[in-house]
Amino acid sequence: MQISKWGLPLVAAGMTAAGPAWSNEVSQAYVHAAAGFSELRSDDGLSLVFGGERSELRAKFDRGQQYGIAVGIEGYELDLELEYKGLRHDIREPGATRAGSDTLDAAGPFINVLLPLRDSGDLRPYLGAGVGYIEGKTDAAKDHVLGVQVRAGIACQLSQNFQVDVALNYLGTERMQLNVDQSREGEFSVDYQSFNLGLGIRYVFASAAGSAP
């Protein structure tokens, strides 16, 4: 997948606009952790290039795991957070990759903006978007690419300090180009688009002024 030339600027513009939305209101720091399942779209399978000739392999990826650890600031209109996200998928036909690995890992930092929808009492539906820098790797090769993600979820306020949430997340990157061997004659590449479902918990360091409305 090639990220649209407008994708990153639009996400960045949203993050720039986030500052005024929470800086003048009651704000509180929080930590968040989440884990769940991931489906890696593999319609294009894997692509190998040797001696200038491309070979498309229809290998598939099994359902994988995803996790995220984040710190952020919870404001009145928007939440701003720094997240480290990781994903792992088993390759169903590992011998076809020539990469000496049966897994594909992707991990890296993201800056996210979350928009809570606060009209539902203890239930807080929210939307989010982020931009990050992902390292994709097998046992024998790796690449670094830009990525974007969008999220839709619903959080439940358990107490003043604790929330739990369920979220759907889409993450896409530039096409990963992984060198297969030291001679650099071959290239293993994959169109990385994952769809994720996760369960998370957030701890809010409540201030004396209390939570923002």
N, C-alpha and C. Protein backbone atom coordinates (compact mmCIF):
# COMPACT_ATOMS: atom_id res chain seq x y z
N MET A 1 0.84 -1.19 0.00
CA MET A 1 0.00 0.00 0.00
C MET A 1 0.87 1.23 0.00
N GLN A 2 0.58 2.19 -0.85
CA GLN A 2 1.23 3.48 -0.83
C GLN A 2 0.33 4.46 -0.08
N ILE A 3 0.87 5.05 0.99
CA ILE A 3 0.08 6.02 1.75
C ILE A 3 -0.18 7.24 0.88
N SER A 4 -1.42 7.69 0.85
CA SER A 4 -1.78 8.86 0.06
C SER A 4 -0.91 10.05 0.44
N LYS A 5 -0.58 10.89 -0.56
CA LYS A 5 0.25 12.06 -0.28
C LYS A 5 -0.44 13.03 0.66
N TRP A 6 -1.77 12.90 0.78
CA TRP A 6 -2.50 13.78 1.70
C TRP A 6 -2.67 13.14 3.07
N GLY A 7 -2.40 11.84 3.20
CA GLY A 7 -2.68 11.14 4.45
C GLY A 7 -1.91 11.70 5.63
N LEU A 8 -0.58 11.75 5.51
CA LEU A 8 0.23 12.23 6.62
C LEU A 8 0.01 13.72 6.91
N PRO A 9 -0.09 14.61 5.90
CA PRO A 9 -0.37 16.01 6.21
C PRO A 9 -1.69 16.21 6.94
N LEU A 10 -2.72 15.44 6.58
CA LEU A 10 -4.01 15.61 7.24
C LEU A 10 -3.94 15.18 8.69
N VAL A 11 -3.27 14.06 8.95
CA VAL A 11 -3.12 13.61 10.33
C VAL A 11 -2.30 14.62 11.13
N ALA A 12 -1.21 15.13 10.52
CA ALA A 12 -0.38 16.10 11.20
C ALA A 12 -1.15 17.39 11.52
N ALA A 13 -1.99 17.81 10.57
CA ALA A 13 -2.79 19.02 10.80
C ALA A 13 -3.75 18.81 11.96
N GLY A 14 -4.31 17.63 12.06
CA GLY A 14 -5.21 17.35 13.17
C GLY A 14 -4.48 17.41 14.50
N MET A 15 -3.24 16.92 14.53
CA MET A 15 -2.47 16.95 15.76
C MET A 15 -2.09 18.37 16.15
N THR A 16 -1.77 19.20 15.16
CA THR A 16 -1.45 20.60 15.44
C THR A 16 -2.64 21.31 16.05
N ALA A 17 -3.83 20.99 15.55
CA ALA A 17 -5.04 21.62 16.07
C ALA A 17 -5.41 21.12 17.45
N ALA A 18 -4.80 20.01 17.89
CA ALA A 18 -5.18 19.42 19.17
C ALA A 18 -4.75 20.28 20.35
N GLY A 19 -3.63 21.01 20.21
CA GLY A 19 -3.11 21.78 21.33
C GLY A 19 -4.13 22.70 21.97
N PRO A 20 -4.74 23.62 21.21
CA PRO A 20 -5.70 24.53 21.81
C PRO A 20 -6.91 23.83 22.41
N ALA A 21 -7.22 22.62 21.94
CA ALA A 21 -8.42 21.94 22.39
C ALA A 21 -8.31 21.47 23.83
N TRP A 22 -7.06 21.23 24.31
CA TRP A 22 -6.96 20.77 25.69
C TRP A 22 -6.10 21.65 26.58
N SER A 23 -5.29 22.54 25.99
CA SER A 23 -4.34 23.28 26.80
C SER A 23 -4.99 24.29 27.75
N ASN A 24 -6.16 24.81 27.39
CA ASN A 24 -6.82 25.80 28.23
C ASN A 24 -7.87 25.19 29.16
N GLU A 25 -7.96 23.88 29.19
CA GLU A 25 -8.95 23.21 30.02
C GLU A 25 -8.24 22.38 31.09
N VAL A 26 -9.03 21.81 31.99
CA VAL A 26 -8.47 20.88 32.97
C VAL A 26 -7.87 19.70 32.22
N SER A 27 -6.61 19.39 32.47
CA SER A 27 -5.97 18.28 31.78
C SER A 27 -5.32 17.36 32.81
N GLN A 28 -5.29 16.08 32.48
CA GLN A 28 -4.75 15.07 33.38
C GLN A 28 -3.92 14.08 32.60
N ALA A 29 -2.83 13.64 33.19
CA ALA A 29 -1.99 12.63 32.56
C ALA A 29 -2.61 11.25 32.76
N TYR A 30 -2.30 10.34 31.84
CA TYR A 30 -2.77 8.97 31.97
C TYR A 30 -1.78 8.00 31.34
N VAL A 31 -1.91 6.74 31.72
CA VAL A 31 -1.19 5.65 31.07
C VAL A 31 -2.24 4.67 30.57
N HIS A 32 -1.93 4.01 29.45
CA HIS A 32 -2.90 3.11 28.82
C HIS A 32 -2.17 1.90 28.27
N ALA A 33 -2.76 0.73 28.45
CA ALA A 33 -2.21 -0.51 27.89
C ALA A 33 -3.33 -1.29 27.25
N ALA A 34 -3.04 -1.91 26.10
CA ALA A 34 -4.05 -2.67 25.38
C ALA A 34 -3.42 -3.87 24.69
N ALA A 35 -4.23 -4.90 24.47
CA ALA A 35 -3.77 -6.08 23.75
C ALA A 35 -4.97 -6.70 23.05
N GLY A 36 -4.69 -7.47 21.98
CA GLY A 36 -5.79 -8.09 21.27
C GLY A 36 -5.34 -8.84 20.04
N PHE A 37 -6.26 -8.96 19.08
CA PHE A 37 -6.04 -9.74 17.87
C PHE A 37 -5.80 -8.82 16.67
N SER A 38 -5.12 -9.36 15.67
CA SER A 38 -4.81 -8.58 14.47
C SER A 38 -4.97 -9.46 13.24
N GLU A 39 -5.61 -8.90 12.21
CA GLU A 39 -5.72 -9.56 10.90
C GLU A 39 -4.92 -8.74 9.90
N LEU A 40 -3.94 -9.37 9.29
CA LEU A 40 -3.10 -8.70 8.30
C LEU A 40 -3.64 -9.00 6.92
N ARG A 41 -4.08 -7.97 6.22
CA ARG A 41 -4.58 -8.16 4.86
C ARG A 41 -3.44 -8.65 3.98
N SER A 42 -3.71 -9.74 3.27
CA SER A 42 -2.65 -10.33 2.44
C SER A 42 -3.19 -10.71 1.07
N ASP A 43 -4.08 -9.91 0.54
CA ASP A 43 -4.64 -10.20 -0.79
C ASP A 43 -3.55 -10.28 -1.85
N ASP A 44 -2.51 -9.44 -1.68
CA ASP A 44 -1.42 -9.43 -2.64
C ASP A 44 -0.36 -10.48 -2.33
N GLY A 45 -0.53 -11.19 -1.22
CA GLY A 45 0.46 -12.17 -0.84
C GLY A 45 1.81 -11.51 -0.59
N LEU A 46 2.86 -12.23 -0.91
CA LEU A 46 4.22 -11.75 -0.76
C LEU A 46 4.82 -11.55 -2.15
N SER A 47 5.79 -10.65 -2.22
CA SER A 47 6.43 -10.38 -3.49
C SER A 47 7.93 -10.57 -3.35
N LEU A 48 8.53 -11.31 -4.27
CA LEU A 48 9.97 -11.52 -4.29
C LEU A 48 10.55 -11.01 -5.60
N VAL A 49 11.72 -10.39 -5.53
CA VAL A 49 12.42 -9.96 -6.73
C VAL A 49 13.82 -10.56 -6.72
N PHE A 50 14.14 -11.37 -7.72
CA PHE A 50 15.47 -11.94 -7.87
C PHE A 50 15.91 -11.77 -9.31
N GLY A 51 17.12 -11.24 -9.49
CA GLY A 51 17.65 -11.05 -10.83
C GLY A 51 16.77 -10.18 -11.70
N GLY A 52 16.09 -9.22 -11.11
CA GLY A 52 15.24 -8.31 -11.86
C GLY A 52 13.88 -8.87 -12.18
N GLU A 53 13.56 -10.11 -11.79
CA GLU A 53 12.27 -10.72 -12.08
C GLU A 53 11.44 -10.82 -10.80
N ARG A 54 10.21 -10.39 -10.88
CA ARG A 54 9.33 -10.39 -9.73
C ARG A 54 8.46 -11.64 -9.72
N SER A 55 8.35 -12.23 -8.55
CA SER A 55 7.51 -13.41 -8.36
C SER A 55 6.51 -13.13 -7.25
N GLU A 56 5.21 -13.24 -7.57
CA GLU A 56 4.17 -13.02 -6.57
C GLU A 56 3.81 -14.35 -5.92
N LEU A 57 3.92 -14.41 -4.60
CA LEU A 57 3.64 -15.63 -3.85
C LEU A 57 2.37 -15.42 -3.04
N ARG A 58 1.47 -16.38 -3.10
CA ARG A 58 0.18 -16.23 -2.44
C ARG A 58 0.20 -16.77 -1.01
N ALA A 59 1.30 -16.58 -0.34
CA ALA A 59 1.36 -16.96 1.06
C ALA A 59 0.41 -16.07 1.86
N LYS A 60 -0.15 -16.62 2.92
CA LYS A 60 -1.09 -15.88 3.76
C LYS A 60 -0.53 -15.73 5.17
N PHE A 61 -1.14 -14.84 5.92
CA PHE A 61 -0.73 -14.61 7.30
C PHE A 61 -1.83 -15.06 8.24
N ASP A 62 -1.45 -15.80 9.27
CA ASP A 62 -2.42 -16.21 10.27
C ASP A 62 -2.82 -15.02 11.14
N ARG A 63 -3.93 -15.17 11.85
CA ARG A 63 -4.35 -14.14 12.80
C ARG A 63 -3.23 -13.92 13.81
N GLY A 64 -2.90 -12.66 14.04
CA GLY A 64 -1.78 -12.34 14.90
C GLY A 64 -2.18 -11.67 16.19
N GLN A 65 -1.18 -11.18 16.88
CA GLN A 65 -1.38 -10.48 18.14
C GLN A 65 -0.95 -9.03 18.00
N GLN A 66 -1.58 -8.16 18.78
CA GLN A 66 -1.20 -6.75 18.81
C GLN A 66 -1.20 -6.28 20.25
N TYR A 67 -0.35 -5.29 20.53
CA TYR A 67 -0.34 -4.67 21.85
C TYR A 67 0.05 -3.21 21.70
N GLY A 68 -0.30 -2.42 22.70
CA GLY A 68 0.06 -1.02 22.70
C GLY A 68 0.23 -0.52 24.12
N ILE A 69 1.23 0.33 24.33
CA ILE A 69 1.47 0.97 25.61
C ILE A 69 1.58 2.46 25.34
N ALA A 70 0.82 3.27 26.09
CA ALA A 70 0.77 4.70 25.78
C ALA A 70 0.77 5.54 27.06
N VAL A 71 1.29 6.76 26.92
CA VAL A 71 1.15 7.81 27.93
C VAL A 71 0.52 9.00 27.23
N GLY A 72 -0.31 9.75 27.95
CA GLY A 72 -0.98 10.85 27.28
C GLY A 72 -1.53 11.88 28.24
N ILE A 73 -2.20 12.86 27.66
CA ILE A 73 -2.87 13.93 28.40
C ILE A 73 -4.33 13.93 27.99
N GLU A 74 -5.19 13.84 28.97
CA GLU A 74 -6.63 13.82 28.75
C GLU A 74 -7.17 15.23 28.97
N GLY A 75 -7.74 15.82 27.92
CA GLY A 75 -8.27 17.17 28.02
C GLY A 75 -9.77 17.19 27.84
N TYR A 76 -10.32 18.40 27.69
CA TYR A 76 -11.78 18.53 27.58
C TYR A 76 -12.30 18.05 26.23
N GLU A 77 -11.64 18.44 25.15
CA GLU A 77 -12.11 18.10 23.81
C GLU A 77 -11.31 16.99 23.15
N LEU A 78 -9.99 16.98 23.37
CA LEU A 78 -9.13 16.01 22.70
C LEU A 78 -8.12 15.43 23.68
N ASP A 79 -7.74 14.18 23.44
CA ASP A 79 -6.65 13.55 24.18
C ASP A 79 -5.46 13.42 23.24
N LEU A 80 -4.28 13.66 23.77
CA LEU A 80 -3.05 13.57 22.98
C LEU A 80 -2.14 12.55 23.64
N GLU A 81 -1.64 11.56 22.86
CA GLU A 81 -0.85 10.50 23.48
C GLU A 81 0.31 10.06 22.61
N LEU A 82 1.32 9.51 23.28
CA LEU A 82 2.45 8.86 22.64
C LEU A 82 2.33 7.37 22.91
N GLU A 83 2.26 6.57 21.83
CA GLU A 83 2.01 5.14 21.95
C GLU A 83 3.13 4.35 21.29
N TYR A 84 3.48 3.23 21.93
CA TYR A 84 4.35 2.25 21.28
C TYR A 84 3.49 1.05 20.94
N LYS A 85 3.39 0.72 19.65
CA LYS A 85 2.51 -0.35 19.17
C LYS A 85 3.34 -1.46 18.56
N GLY A 86 2.93 -2.69 18.81
CA GLY A 86 3.60 -3.84 18.23
C GLY A 86 2.60 -4.84 17.70
N LEU A 87 2.95 -5.53 16.61
CA LEU A 87 2.11 -6.57 16.00
C LEU A 87 3.00 -7.72 15.55
N ARG A 88 2.45 -8.94 15.62
CA ARG A 88 3.18 -10.13 15.15
C ARG A 88 2.21 -11.04 14.41
N HIS A 89 2.64 -11.51 13.24
CA HIS A 89 1.83 -12.42 12.44
C HIS A 89 2.69 -13.59 11.97
N ASP A 90 2.14 -14.79 12.10
CA ASP A 90 2.80 -15.98 11.55
C ASP A 90 2.53 -16.07 10.06
N ILE A 91 3.54 -16.44 9.30
CA ILE A 91 3.40 -16.65 7.87
C ILE A 91 2.99 -18.09 7.65
N ARG A 92 1.86 -18.29 6.98
CA ARG A 92 1.30 -19.63 6.85
C ARG A 92 2.18 -20.54 6.03
N GLU A 93 2.92 -19.98 5.07
CA GLU A 93 3.84 -20.76 4.24
C GLU A 93 5.24 -20.16 4.36
N PRO A 94 5.89 -20.35 5.49
CA PRO A 94 7.17 -19.67 5.73
C PRO A 94 8.26 -20.02 4.75
N GLY A 95 8.25 -21.23 4.18
CA GLY A 95 9.30 -21.61 3.24
C GLY A 95 9.31 -20.77 1.99
N ALA A 96 8.15 -20.16 1.65
CA ALA A 96 8.07 -19.39 0.42
C ALA A 96 8.73 -18.02 0.53
N THR A 97 9.04 -17.57 1.74
CA THR A 97 9.57 -16.22 1.89
C THR A 97 11.07 -16.14 1.64
N ARG A 98 11.77 -17.25 1.77
CA ARG A 98 13.22 -17.29 1.66
C ARG A 98 13.88 -16.37 2.66
N ALA A 99 13.16 -15.96 3.68
CA ALA A 99 13.71 -15.02 4.65
C ALA A 99 14.14 -15.72 5.94
N GLY A 100 14.00 -17.02 6.01
CA GLY A 100 14.44 -17.76 7.17
C GLY A 100 13.61 -17.49 8.40
N SER A 101 12.36 -17.11 8.24
CA SER A 101 11.53 -16.78 9.39
C SER A 101 10.10 -17.19 9.11
N ASP A 102 9.39 -17.55 10.18
CA ASP A 102 7.98 -17.86 10.02
C ASP A 102 7.10 -16.79 10.64
N THR A 103 7.66 -15.64 10.97
CA THR A 103 6.88 -14.53 11.52
C THR A 103 7.27 -13.22 10.86
N LEU A 104 6.32 -12.29 10.87
CA LEU A 104 6.58 -10.92 10.45
C LEU A 104 6.17 -10.01 11.60
N ASP A 105 7.12 -9.26 12.14
CA ASP A 105 6.87 -8.34 13.25
C ASP A 105 6.85 -6.92 12.75
N ALA A 106 6.01 -6.11 13.37
CA ALA A 106 5.97 -4.68 13.08
C ALA A 106 5.78 -3.94 14.39
N ALA A 107 6.63 -2.94 14.66
CA ALA A 107 6.54 -2.23 15.94
C ALA A 107 7.14 -0.84 15.79
N GLY A 108 6.63 0.11 16.58
CA GLY A 108 7.19 1.44 16.56
C GLY A 108 6.33 2.45 17.29
N PRO A 109 6.84 3.69 17.44
CA PRO A 109 6.11 4.74 18.16
C PRO A 109 5.10 5.46 17.27
N PHE A 110 3.98 5.87 17.89
CA PHE A 110 2.95 6.65 17.22
C PHE A 110 2.58 7.85 18.09
N ILE A 111 2.25 8.95 17.44
CA ILE A 111 1.62 10.09 18.10
C ILE A 111 0.16 10.08 17.69
N ASN A 112 -0.73 10.00 18.67
CA ASN A 112 -2.16 9.87 18.42
C ASN A 112 -2.95 11.05 18.98
N VAL A 113 -4.02 11.37 18.29
CA VAL A 113 -5.02 12.31 18.78
C VAL A 113 -6.34 11.56 18.90
N LEU A 114 -6.99 11.64 20.06
CA LEU A 114 -8.26 10.97 20.31
C LEU A 114 -9.34 12.01 20.55
N LEU A 115 -10.49 11.78 19.95
CA LEU A 115 -11.64 12.68 20.10
C LEU A 115 -12.73 11.95 20.88
N PRO A 116 -12.86 12.20 22.19
CA PRO A 116 -13.92 11.55 22.96
C PRO A 116 -15.28 12.17 22.61
N LEU A 117 -16.30 11.34 22.59
CA LEU A 117 -17.68 11.78 22.41
C LEU A 117 -18.35 11.63 23.77
N ARG A 118 -18.53 12.74 24.47
CA ARG A 118 -18.75 12.72 25.91
C ARG A 118 -20.21 12.82 26.32
N ASP A 119 -21.15 12.44 25.49
CA ASP A 119 -22.56 12.63 25.83
C ASP A 119 -23.25 11.33 26.25
N SER A 120 -22.47 10.37 26.75
CA SER A 120 -23.07 9.07 27.05
C SER A 120 -22.83 8.62 28.48
N GLY A 121 -22.69 9.53 29.42
CA GLY A 121 -22.49 9.16 30.81
C GLY A 121 -21.17 8.46 31.03
N ASP A 122 -21.23 7.27 31.64
CA ASP A 122 -20.00 6.53 31.92
C ASP A 122 -19.42 5.86 30.68
N LEU A 123 -20.17 5.78 29.59
CA LEU A 123 -19.68 5.22 28.34
C LEU A 123 -19.20 6.35 27.45
N ARG A 124 -17.96 6.25 26.97
CA ARG A 124 -17.35 7.32 26.18
C ARG A 124 -16.94 6.77 24.82
N PRO A 125 -17.79 6.84 23.81
CA PRO A 125 -17.32 6.51 22.45
C PRO A 125 -16.25 7.52 22.03
N TYR A 126 -15.32 7.07 21.20
CA TYR A 126 -14.27 7.98 20.75
C TYR A 126 -13.75 7.56 19.40
N LEU A 127 -13.14 8.53 18.72
CA LEU A 127 -12.44 8.32 17.45
C LEU A 127 -11.01 8.78 17.62
N GLY A 128 -10.11 8.24 16.81
CA GLY A 128 -8.72 8.63 16.92
C GLY A 128 -7.96 8.44 15.63
N ALA A 129 -6.81 9.10 15.54
CA ALA A 129 -5.92 8.97 14.39
C ALA A 129 -4.50 9.21 14.86
N GLY A 130 -3.54 8.62 14.16
CA GLY A 130 -2.16 8.80 14.55
C GLY A 130 -1.20 8.56 13.39
N VAL A 131 0.03 9.01 13.60
CA VAL A 131 1.10 8.82 12.62
C VAL A 131 2.31 8.28 13.36
N GLY A 132 3.04 7.35 12.72
CA GLY A 132 4.16 6.74 13.41
C GLY A 132 5.25 6.25 12.48
N TYR A 133 6.24 5.62 13.09
CA TYR A 133 7.43 5.13 12.39
C TYR A 133 7.60 3.66 12.76
N ILE A 134 7.40 2.78 11.81
CA ILE A 134 7.31 1.34 12.06
C ILE A 134 8.56 0.62 11.56
N GLU A 135 9.05 -0.31 12.37
CA GLU A 135 10.08 -1.24 11.91
C GLU A 135 9.42 -2.58 11.62
N GLY A 136 9.48 -3.01 10.37
CA GLY A 136 8.99 -4.33 10.00
C GLY A 136 10.17 -5.27 9.84
N LYS A 137 10.07 -6.49 10.38
CA LYS A 137 11.23 -7.38 10.28
C LYS A 137 10.81 -8.84 10.34
N THR A 138 11.64 -9.66 9.72
CA THR A 138 11.65 -11.10 9.90
C THR A 138 12.97 -11.41 10.63
N ASP A 139 13.30 -12.70 10.78
CA ASP A 139 14.56 -13.05 11.43
C ASP A 139 15.77 -12.59 10.62
N ALA A 140 15.60 -12.44 9.31
CA ALA A 140 16.75 -12.20 8.44
C ALA A 140 16.77 -10.81 7.83
N ALA A 141 15.72 -10.02 7.97
CA ALA A 141 15.68 -8.74 7.27
C ALA A 141 14.74 -7.78 7.98
N LYS A 142 14.91 -6.48 7.69
CA LYS A 142 14.02 -5.49 8.28
C LYS A 142 13.98 -4.25 7.41
N ASP A 143 12.95 -3.44 7.66
CA ASP A 143 12.77 -2.17 6.94
C ASP A 143 12.08 -1.20 7.88
N HIS A 144 12.27 0.10 7.64
CA HIS A 144 11.61 1.14 8.43
C HIS A 144 10.73 1.97 7.51
N VAL A 145 9.47 2.12 7.90
CA VAL A 145 8.49 2.79 7.04
C VAL A 145 7.59 3.69 7.89
N LEU A 146 6.98 4.67 7.23
CA LEU A 146 5.98 5.51 7.89
C LEU A 146 4.64 4.79 7.91
N GLY A 147 3.87 5.05 8.95
CA GLY A 147 2.56 4.42 9.07
C GLY A 147 1.52 5.39 9.59
N VAL A 148 0.27 5.10 9.30
CA VAL A 148 -0.85 5.86 9.84
C VAL A 148 -1.85 4.87 10.42
N GLN A 149 -2.62 5.32 11.39
CA GLN A 149 -3.65 4.47 11.96
C GLN A 149 -4.87 5.31 12.30
N VAL A 150 -6.02 4.66 12.29
CA VAL A 150 -7.27 5.26 12.74
C VAL A 150 -7.92 4.29 13.71
N ARG A 151 -8.71 4.83 14.64
CA ARG A 151 -9.26 4.01 15.70
C ARG A 151 -10.68 4.46 16.02
N ALA A 152 -11.53 3.51 16.35
CA ALA A 152 -12.87 3.79 16.85
C ALA A 152 -13.11 2.87 18.03
N GLY A 153 -13.56 3.43 19.14
CA GLY A 153 -13.73 2.60 20.32
C GLY A 153 -14.76 3.15 21.27
N ILE A 154 -14.95 2.43 22.35
CA ILE A 154 -15.85 2.88 23.41
C ILE A 154 -15.21 2.54 24.74
N ALA A 155 -15.15 3.53 25.63
CA ALA A 155 -14.53 3.37 26.93
C ALA A 155 -15.61 3.40 28.01
N CYS A 156 -15.39 2.64 29.05
CA CYS A 156 -16.31 2.59 30.19
C CYS A 156 -15.58 3.11 31.42
N GLN A 157 -16.16 4.12 32.07
CA GLN A 157 -15.57 4.71 33.26
C GLN A 157 -15.89 3.83 34.46
N LEU A 158 -14.88 3.15 35.01
CA LEU A 158 -15.09 2.27 36.16
C LEU A 158 -15.03 3.04 37.47
N SER A 159 -14.15 4.03 37.52
CA SER A 159 -13.99 4.86 38.71
C SER A 159 -13.36 6.17 38.27
N GLN A 160 -13.01 7.01 39.22
CA GLN A 160 -12.38 8.28 38.86
C GLN A 160 -11.07 8.07 38.13
N ASN A 161 -10.39 6.97 38.45
CA ASN A 161 -9.06 6.74 37.91
C ASN A 161 -8.99 5.71 36.79
N PHE A 162 -9.94 4.77 36.75
CA PHE A 162 -9.82 3.65 35.82
C PHE A 162 -10.90 3.67 34.75
N GLN A 163 -10.47 3.37 33.51
CA GLN A 163 -11.37 3.16 32.38
C GLN A 163 -10.94 1.88 31.66
N VAL A 164 -11.91 1.16 31.11
CA VAL A 164 -11.59 0.06 30.20
C VAL A 164 -12.20 0.40 28.84
N ASP A 165 -11.59 -0.08 27.78
CA ASP A 165 -12.13 0.24 26.46
C ASP A 165 -11.94 -0.93 25.50
N VAL A 166 -12.82 -0.96 24.51
CA VAL A 166 -12.72 -1.89 23.39
C VAL A 166 -12.60 -1.05 22.13
N ALA A 167 -11.64 -1.37 21.26
CA ALA A 167 -11.38 -0.52 20.10
C ALA A 167 -11.09 -1.34 18.86
N LEU A 168 -11.56 -0.83 17.73
CA LEU A 168 -11.18 -1.33 16.41
C LEU A 168 -10.14 -0.37 15.84
N ASN A 169 -9.10 -0.93 15.23
CA ASN A 169 -7.99 -0.11 14.77
C ASN A 169 -7.54 -0.58 13.40
N TYR A 170 -7.31 0.37 12.50
CA TYR A 170 -6.71 0.07 11.20
C TYR A 170 -5.32 0.71 11.17
N LEU A 171 -4.32 -0.06 10.75
CA LEU A 171 -2.96 0.45 10.62
C LEU A 171 -2.43 0.10 9.24
N GLY A 172 -1.94 1.10 8.53
CA GLY A 172 -1.35 0.89 7.21
C GLY A 172 -0.01 1.59 7.11
N THR A 173 0.90 1.00 6.35
CA THR A 173 2.23 1.60 6.19
C THR A 173 2.58 1.69 4.71
N GLU A 174 3.68 2.36 4.44
CA GLU A 174 4.29 2.25 3.12
C GLU A 174 4.67 0.78 2.90
N ARG A 175 4.80 0.40 1.65
CA ARG A 175 5.14 -1.01 1.36
C ARG A 175 6.50 -1.34 1.95
N MET A 176 6.53 -2.42 2.73
CA MET A 176 7.78 -2.85 3.36
C MET A 176 8.65 -3.57 2.34
N GLN A 177 9.89 -3.11 2.23
CA GLN A 177 10.86 -3.72 1.33
C GLN A 177 11.97 -4.32 2.18
N LEU A 178 12.03 -5.65 2.23
CA LEU A 178 12.96 -6.35 3.11
C LEU A 178 14.00 -7.08 2.27
N ASN A 179 15.27 -6.73 2.47
CA ASN A 179 16.33 -7.41 1.75
C ASN A 179 16.42 -8.85 2.21
N VAL A 180 16.44 -9.80 1.28
CA VAL A 180 16.37 -11.22 1.62
C VAL A 180 17.71 -11.77 2.05
N ASP A 181 18.80 -11.36 1.43
CA ASP A 181 20.08 -11.93 1.78
C ASP A 181 21.16 -10.84 1.71
N GLN A 182 22.36 -11.19 2.16
CA GLN A 182 23.44 -10.23 2.25
C GLN A 182 23.89 -9.72 0.89
N SER A 183 23.65 -10.47 -0.16
CA SER A 183 24.09 -10.06 -1.49
C SER A 183 23.22 -8.94 -2.06
N ARG A 184 22.06 -8.68 -1.43
CA ARG A 184 21.12 -7.65 -1.86
C ARG A 184 20.61 -7.90 -3.28
N GLU A 185 20.63 -9.17 -3.71
CA GLU A 185 20.11 -9.50 -5.02
C GLU A 185 18.61 -9.76 -4.99
N GLY A 186 18.07 -9.96 -3.81
CA GLY A 186 16.66 -10.28 -3.71
C GLY A 186 15.96 -9.34 -2.74
N GLU A 187 14.66 -9.28 -2.87
CA GLU A 187 13.87 -8.39 -2.03
C GLU A 187 12.54 -9.05 -1.70
N PHE A 188 12.21 -9.08 -0.42
CA PHE A 188 10.94 -9.59 0.06
C PHE A 188 10.11 -8.38 0.47
N SER A 189 8.93 -8.21 -0.11
CA SER A 189 8.12 -7.04 0.20
C SER A 189 6.69 -7.46 0.49
N VAL A 190 5.99 -6.62 1.25
CA VAL A 190 4.62 -6.93 1.63
C VAL A 190 3.82 -5.64 1.75
N ASP A 191 2.60 -5.70 1.30
CA ASP A 191 1.67 -4.58 1.42
C ASP A 191 1.01 -4.68 2.80
N TYR A 192 1.45 -3.85 3.74
CA TYR A 192 1.08 -4.04 5.15
C TYR A 192 -0.15 -3.21 5.52
N GLN A 193 -1.26 -3.89 5.73
CA GLN A 193 -2.49 -3.27 6.20
C GLN A 193 -3.13 -4.20 7.21
N SER A 194 -3.21 -3.77 8.47
CA SER A 194 -3.74 -4.64 9.51
C SER A 194 -5.02 -4.05 10.10
N PHE A 195 -5.93 -4.95 10.47
CA PHE A 195 -7.19 -4.61 11.12
C PHE A 195 -7.17 -5.27 12.49
N ASN A 196 -7.35 -4.48 13.55
CA ASN A 196 -7.07 -4.96 14.89
C ASN A 196 -8.26 -4.72 15.83
N LEU A 197 -8.44 -5.65 16.76
CA LEU A 197 -9.44 -5.53 17.81
C LEU A 197 -8.73 -5.71 19.13
N GLY A 198 -8.88 -4.72 20.04
CA GLY A 198 -8.15 -4.79 21.30
C GLY A 198 -8.97 -4.39 22.50
N LEU A 199 -8.56 -4.90 23.65
CA LEU A 199 -9.14 -4.54 24.94
C LEU A 199 -8.06 -3.80 25.72
N GLY A 200 -8.42 -2.63 26.27
CA GLY A 200 -7.43 -1.82 26.95
C GLY A 200 -7.90 -1.33 28.30
N ILE A 201 -6.96 -0.84 29.10
CA ILE A 201 -7.26 -0.23 30.38
C ILE A 201 -6.45 1.05 30.51
N ARG A 202 -7.09 2.10 31.02
CA ARG A 202 -6.44 3.40 31.19
C ARG A 202 -6.49 3.80 32.66
N TYR A 203 -5.34 4.25 33.18
CA TYR A 203 -5.30 4.80 34.53
C TYR A 203 -5.05 6.30 34.42
N VAL A 204 -5.95 7.09 34.96
CA VAL A 204 -5.86 8.55 34.91
C VAL A 204 -5.36 9.07 36.24
N PHE A 205 -4.31 9.89 36.19
CA PHE A 205 -3.80 10.52 37.41
C PHE A 205 -4.66 11.74 37.68
N ALA A 206 -5.76 11.56 38.42
CA ALA A 206 -6.74 12.61 38.62
C ALA A 206 -6.15 13.76 39.40
N SER A 207 -6.44 14.99 38.95
CA SER A 207 -5.99 16.18 39.65
C SER A 207 -6.97 16.56 40.74
N ALA A 208 -6.55 17.48 41.59
CA ALA A 208 -7.42 17.93 42.67
C ALA A 208 -8.67 18.59 42.14
N ALA A 209 -8.58 19.16 40.92
CA ALA A 209 -9.73 19.84 40.34
C ALA A 209 -10.76 18.86 39.83
N GLY A 210 -10.39 17.58 39.74
CA GLY A 210 -11.34 16.58 39.26
C GLY A 210 -11.26 16.40 37.76
N SER A 211 -12.10 15.54 37.27
CA SER A 211 -12.10 15.22 35.85
C SER A 211 -12.71 16.34 35.04
N ALA A 212 -12.24 16.45 33.79
CA ALA A 212 -12.87 17.39 32.88
C ALA A 212 -14.26 16.89 32.54
N PRO A 213 -15.22 17.78 32.34
CA PRO A 213 -16.59 17.34 32.02
C PRO A 213 -16.66 16.63 30.70
